[in-house]
Amino acid sequence: MSDSNEGSSTSSGNTASQSPRGLNFDALKAHVIAHKIDCALWAIRMVVIVFSIGYFIPIFGSAQNAYYKVLIANAAISALRLHQRLGRVQFSRQFLSELVLEDSCHYLFYSLIFIYVAPVNLVILPVLLFAILHAASYSLTLLDTLGQNSWWGCRLLISLVEFQSLNILRLVALSEILLMPYTVLLILMGRAGLLTPFIYYNFLTQRYASRRNPYTRNMFHELRLLFEKTAYKPNTPQFVKTILLTIINFTVKLAPPQIQVQSPTAQQ
């Protein structure tokens, strides 16, 4: 009888430990071991969020140091994502062509462009928004591993981020576009080199032609419709109409050729 009672109590104890109300740290540990790169990406994205806050609200020290740490962390994220998607580096034309087409390569390039430029708020914004979006998504996976009912407050914040995911991606695309003329202003202010706008233009054309992220391309289209609508309003002054149409024509000439999009999933 005593053995039976002990077995019953042990069984009930195991059942209680596996209850959804408890935090299953063993499952979390196993998940981290099995998904080392994904968990490392999540951790670095959390670092990006912390240092971005430290840049806008300098409570962790120098805002300038926080700015460059954000870009370095973003470069690390991009490098890990490239490793996930492409695997081992190969010295071949095919590998290089695939590398250039990857969204993660674009943002590795992005970090390298602005790490040599004086701190700019608009530069941090796309990196921060991507970090929030992807960190929130993987945080939900980690919470599910811990237990279905764990950290309901965090789940609420994650659901809010996911609900606004489309607007976040559109804001990222708008930030990327606005940075193009802003890099020209940075030269006039003495905060960037003469080649920065030309290098950034190369980045922007890659974003426009992205296979997996159509949001930059769509945002260009939305801005064109907005400019045309404003230009052809009856009460729009002629000089404003001329400026808007000139911007549209100039942008259209610089746009890369249209490609067929294989998937609308946004990547970084």
Protein backbone atom coordinates (compact mmCIF):
# COMPACT_ATOMS: atom_id res chain seq x y z
CA MET A 1 0.00 0.00 0.00
CA SER A 2 2.78 2.43 0.90
CA ASP A 3 4.56 1.78 -2.42
CA SER A 4 1.32 2.39 -4.23
CA ASN A 5 0.73 5.61 -2.32
CA GLU A 6 4.28 6.78 -3.04
CA GLY A 7 3.80 6.00 -6.72
CA SER A 8 0.53 7.91 -6.73
CA SER A 9 2.06 10.91 -5.00
CA THR A 10 5.03 10.87 -7.38
CA SER A 11 2.71 10.66 -10.35
CA SER A 12 0.59 13.53 -9.07
CA GLY A 13 3.76 15.54 -8.42
CA ASN A 14 4.92 15.04 -12.00
CA THR A 15 1.48 16.00 -13.25
CA ALA A 16 1.58 19.16 -11.17
CA SER A 17 5.05 20.06 -12.48
CA GLN A 18 3.77 19.72 -16.04
CA SER A 19 0.67 21.79 -15.33
CA PRO A 20 0.15 24.76 -17.65
CA ARG A 21 0.16 26.99 -14.57
CA GLY A 22 3.82 26.21 -13.88
CA LEU A 23 6.87 27.43 -15.79
CA ASN A 24 8.54 24.58 -17.61
CA PHE A 25 12.18 25.70 -17.46
CA ASP A 26 13.42 22.27 -18.54
CA ALA A 27 11.49 22.59 -21.80
CA LEU A 28 12.86 26.11 -22.26
CA LYS A 29 16.43 24.87 -21.69
CA ALA A 30 15.91 22.08 -24.23
CA HIS A 31 14.48 24.56 -26.73
CA VAL A 32 17.46 26.90 -26.35
CA ILE A 33 19.90 24.02 -26.88
CA ALA A 34 18.01 22.83 -29.96
CA HIS A 35 17.64 26.34 -31.46
CA LYS A 36 20.86 28.11 -30.52
CA ILE A 37 20.95 30.53 -33.47
CA ASP A 38 17.28 31.50 -33.20
CA CYS A 39 17.69 32.18 -29.49
CA ALA A 40 20.89 34.14 -30.14
CA LEU A 41 19.01 36.24 -32.69
CA TRP A 42 16.26 36.89 -30.15
CA ALA A 43 18.82 37.91 -27.51
CA ILE A 44 20.65 40.27 -29.88
CA ARG A 45 17.35 41.84 -30.96
CA MET A 46 16.56 42.48 -27.29
CA VAL A 47 19.99 44.13 -27.03
CA VAL A 48 19.10 46.30 -30.04
CA ILE A 49 15.90 47.41 -28.29
CA VAL A 50 17.75 48.21 -25.04
CA PHE A 51 20.52 50.19 -26.75
CA SER A 52 17.98 51.99 -28.97
CA ILE A 53 16.21 53.15 -25.83
CA GLY A 54 19.62 54.11 -24.48
CA TYR A 55 20.21 56.21 -27.58
CA PHE A 56 16.91 58.10 -27.48
CA ILE A 57 16.94 58.31 -23.66
CA PRO A 58 20.63 58.27 -22.63
CA ILE A 59 20.25 56.53 -19.27
CA PHE A 60 22.91 53.87 -19.89
CA GLY A 61 25.76 56.24 -20.70
CA SER A 62 26.75 57.90 -23.96
CA ALA A 63 23.99 58.11 -26.57
CA GLN A 64 26.62 58.01 -29.33
CA ASN A 65 28.04 54.73 -28.01
CA ALA A 66 24.52 53.28 -27.86
CA TYR A 67 23.94 54.32 -31.49
CA TYR A 68 26.98 52.46 -32.78
CA LYS A 69 26.22 49.42 -30.62
CA VAL A 70 22.77 49.24 -32.24
CA LEU A 71 24.35 49.19 -35.70
CA ILE A 72 26.93 46.59 -34.67
CA ALA A 73 24.20 44.40 -33.17
CA ASN A 74 22.14 44.80 -36.35
CA ALA A 75 25.15 43.70 -38.40
CA ALA A 76 25.48 40.62 -36.16
CA ILE A 77 21.79 39.79 -36.66
CA SER A 78 22.15 40.11 -40.41
CA ALA A 79 25.26 37.91 -40.44
CA LEU A 80 23.51 35.18 -38.42
CA ARG A 81 20.46 35.32 -40.69
CA LEU A 82 22.70 34.97 -43.73
CA HIS A 83 24.34 31.95 -42.10
CA GLN A 84 20.90 30.42 -41.55
CA ARG A 85 19.74 31.01 -45.10
CA LEU A 86 22.93 30.36 -47.09
CA GLY A 87 25.03 28.17 -44.84
CA ARG A 88 28.77 27.96 -45.41
CA VAL A 89 30.48 30.72 -47.36
CA GLN A 90 31.46 29.70 -50.89
CA PHE A 91 33.71 31.60 -53.26
CA SER A 92 31.57 31.33 -56.37
CA ARG A 93 29.55 33.63 -58.60
CA GLN A 94 26.31 31.79 -57.76
CA PHE A 95 26.83 32.19 -54.02
CA LEU A 96 27.62 35.88 -54.45
CA SER A 97 24.49 36.46 -56.54
CA GLU A 98 22.35 34.71 -53.92
CA LEU A 99 24.05 36.69 -51.16
CA VAL A 100 23.25 40.04 -52.76
CA LEU A 101 19.58 39.08 -53.17
CA GLU A 102 19.12 38.30 -49.46
CA ASP A 103 17.35 40.90 -47.34
CA SER A 104 19.75 40.21 -44.48
CA CYS A 105 22.65 41.17 -46.74
CA HIS A 106 20.90 44.47 -47.45
CA TYR A 107 20.75 45.31 -43.75
CA LEU A 108 24.30 44.20 -43.14
CA PHE A 109 25.18 46.71 -45.87
CA TYR A 110 22.92 49.25 -44.13
CA SER A 111 24.88 48.97 -40.88
CA LEU A 112 28.19 49.35 -42.68
CA ILE A 113 26.95 52.51 -44.43
CA PHE A 114 25.89 54.36 -41.30
CA ILE A 115 28.50 53.16 -38.86
CA TYR A 116 30.79 55.79 -40.44
CA VAL A 117 28.15 58.54 -40.27
CA ALA A 118 27.36 60.82 -37.33
CA PRO A 119 24.38 59.55 -35.26
CA VAL A 120 21.01 60.11 -36.94
CA ASN A 121 17.66 59.29 -35.31
CA LEU A 122 16.08 58.14 -38.56
CA VAL A 123 18.84 55.56 -39.09
CA ILE A 124 17.98 53.79 -35.83
CA LEU A 125 14.23 53.66 -36.51
CA PRO A 126 14.09 50.80 -39.10
CA VAL A 127 16.54 48.70 -37.08
CA LEU A 128 14.53 49.22 -33.88
CA LEU A 129 11.19 48.45 -35.53
CA PHE A 130 12.50 45.25 -37.11
CA ALA A 131 13.98 44.21 -33.75
CA ILE A 132 10.66 44.80 -31.96
CA LEU A 133 8.68 42.92 -34.62
CA HIS A 134 10.91 39.84 -34.79
CA ALA A 135 11.71 39.74 -31.06
CA ALA A 136 8.00 39.84 -30.25
CA SER A 137 7.31 36.96 -32.63
CA TYR A 138 9.99 34.73 -31.11
CA SER A 139 9.13 35.79 -27.55
CA LEU A 140 5.74 34.16 -28.10
CA THR A 141 7.51 30.91 -29.04
CA LEU A 142 9.58 31.07 -25.84
CA LEU A 143 6.51 31.79 -23.72
CA ASP A 144 4.67 28.86 -25.28
CA THR A 145 7.65 26.68 -24.38
CA LEU A 146 7.48 27.87 -20.77
CA GLY A 147 3.74 27.24 -20.54
CA GLN A 148 0.50 28.29 -22.19
CA ASN A 149 -0.55 30.62 -19.37
CA SER A 150 2.84 32.16 -18.59
CA TRP A 151 3.41 35.92 -18.60
CA TRP A 152 0.01 37.02 -19.87
CA GLY A 153 1.12 40.69 -19.70
CA CYS A 154 3.93 40.01 -22.19
CA ARG A 155 1.51 38.09 -24.39
CA LEU A 156 -0.75 41.13 -24.48
CA LEU A 157 2.13 43.38 -25.61
CA ILE A 158 3.16 40.82 -28.23
CA SER A 159 -0.38 40.66 -29.59
CA LEU A 160 -0.41 44.46 -29.90
CA VAL A 161 2.86 44.37 -31.86
CA GLU A 162 1.59 41.61 -34.15
CA PHE A 163 -1.69 43.49 -34.67
CA GLN A 164 0.32 46.50 -35.86
CA SER A 165 2.86 44.45 -37.87
CA LEU A 166 1.66 45.77 -41.24
CA ASN A 167 1.90 49.39 -40.08
CA ILE A 168 5.34 48.70 -38.60
CA LEU A 169 6.62 47.31 -41.89
CA ARG A 170 5.15 50.26 -43.79
CA LEU A 171 6.86 52.66 -41.37
CA VAL A 172 10.16 50.83 -41.91
CA ALA A 173 9.76 51.23 -45.66
CA LEU A 174 8.91 54.92 -45.32
CA SER A 175 11.99 55.47 -43.13
CA GLU A 176 14.20 53.78 -45.72
CA ILE A 177 12.85 56.08 -48.45
CA LEU A 178 13.11 59.29 -46.40
CA LEU A 179 16.72 58.50 -45.58
CA MET A 180 17.66 58.91 -49.26
CA PRO A 181 17.16 62.70 -49.45
CA TYR A 182 18.26 62.99 -45.82
CA THR A 183 21.71 61.61 -46.67
CA VAL A 184 22.13 64.55 -49.05
CA LEU A 185 21.29 66.93 -46.21
CA LEU A 186 23.82 65.14 -44.02
CA ILE A 187 26.55 66.06 -46.50
CA LEU A 188 25.50 69.72 -46.39
CA MET A 189 25.60 69.58 -42.59
CA GLY A 190 29.06 67.99 -42.67
CA ARG A 191 27.85 64.79 -40.97
CA ALA A 192 28.40 62.34 -43.83
CA GLY A 193 30.86 61.71 -46.65
CA LEU A 194 30.25 62.61 -50.29
CA LEU A 195 29.78 58.97 -51.27
CA THR A 196 27.13 58.22 -48.64
CA PRO A 197 24.06 59.09 -50.82
CA PHE A 198 25.41 57.03 -53.74
CA ILE A 199 26.10 54.02 -51.52
CA TYR A 200 22.73 54.36 -49.82
CA TYR A 201 21.02 54.57 -53.24
CA ASN A 202 22.45 51.13 -53.97
CA PHE A 203 20.94 49.84 -50.71
CA LEU A 204 17.56 51.39 -51.53
CA THR A 205 17.44 49.83 -54.99
CA GLN A 206 18.11 46.45 -53.37
CA ARG A 207 15.23 47.03 -50.98
CA TYR A 208 13.00 48.08 -53.89
CA ALA A 209 13.84 44.89 -55.78
CA SER A 210 13.56 42.60 -52.72
CA ARG A 211 12.10 39.17 -53.45
CA ARG A 212 10.50 38.70 -50.01
CA ASN A 213 9.72 42.19 -48.79
CA PRO A 214 7.46 44.23 -51.09
CA TYR A 215 6.84 47.02 -48.58
CA THR A 216 9.49 49.43 -49.86
CA ARG A 217 8.22 48.98 -53.42
CA ASN A 218 4.62 49.42 -52.27
CA MET A 219 5.49 52.53 -50.28
CA PHE A 220 7.10 54.11 -53.34
CA HIS A 221 3.85 53.43 -55.22
CA GLU A 222 1.74 54.94 -52.42
CA LEU A 223 3.93 58.05 -52.29
CA ARG A 224 3.67 58.44 -56.06
CA LEU A 225 -0.12 58.27 -55.90
CA LEU A 226 -0.13 60.80 -53.05
CA PHE A 227 2.16 63.21 -54.93
CA GLU A 228 0.13 62.90 -58.14
CA LYS A 229 -3.15 63.42 -56.29
CA THR A 230 -1.74 66.52 -54.59
CA ALA A 231 -0.20 67.87 -57.81
CA TYR A 232 -3.44 67.61 -59.80
CA LYS A 233 -5.67 69.23 -57.21
CA PRO A 234 -7.23 72.43 -58.62
CA ASN A 235 -6.02 74.56 -55.70
CA THR A 236 -2.40 73.35 -55.84
CA PRO A 237 -0.03 76.22 -56.83
CA GLN A 238 1.74 75.72 -60.14
CA PHE A 239 5.25 75.75 -58.63
CA VAL A 240 4.25 73.05 -56.11
CA LYS A 241 2.77 70.97 -58.94
CA THR A 242 5.99 71.35 -60.94
CA ILE A 243 8.14 70.29 -57.98
CA LEU A 244 6.00 67.24 -57.22
CA LEU A 245 5.91 66.06 -60.84
CA THR A 246 9.67 66.61 -61.14
CA ILE A 247 10.26 64.46 -58.06
CA ILE A 248 8.02 61.72 -59.49
CA ASN A 249 9.74 61.71 -62.90
CA PHE A 250 13.20 61.75 -61.33
CA THR A 251 12.34 58.87 -58.99
CA VAL A 252 10.80 56.79 -61.78
CA LYS A 253 13.98 57.15 -63.86
CA LEU A 254 16.12 55.93 -60.94
CA ALA A 255 13.87 52.98 -60.08
CA PRO A 256 15.28 49.53 -60.91
CA PRO A 257 13.32 47.26 -63.28
CA GLN A 258 10.26 45.53 -61.86
CA ILE A 259 10.66 41.91 -60.79
CA GLN A 260 8.18 39.20 -59.98
CA VAL A 261 7.77 38.82 -56.23
CA GLN A 262 8.00 35.23 -55.04
CA SER A 263 6.76 35.75 -51.50
CA PRO A 264 5.33 38.72 -49.59
CA THR A 265 6.92 37.69 -46.29
CA ALA A 266 9.04 40.48 -44.77
CA GLN A 267 12.55 39.48 -43.79
CA GLN A 268 15.52 41.19 -42.24
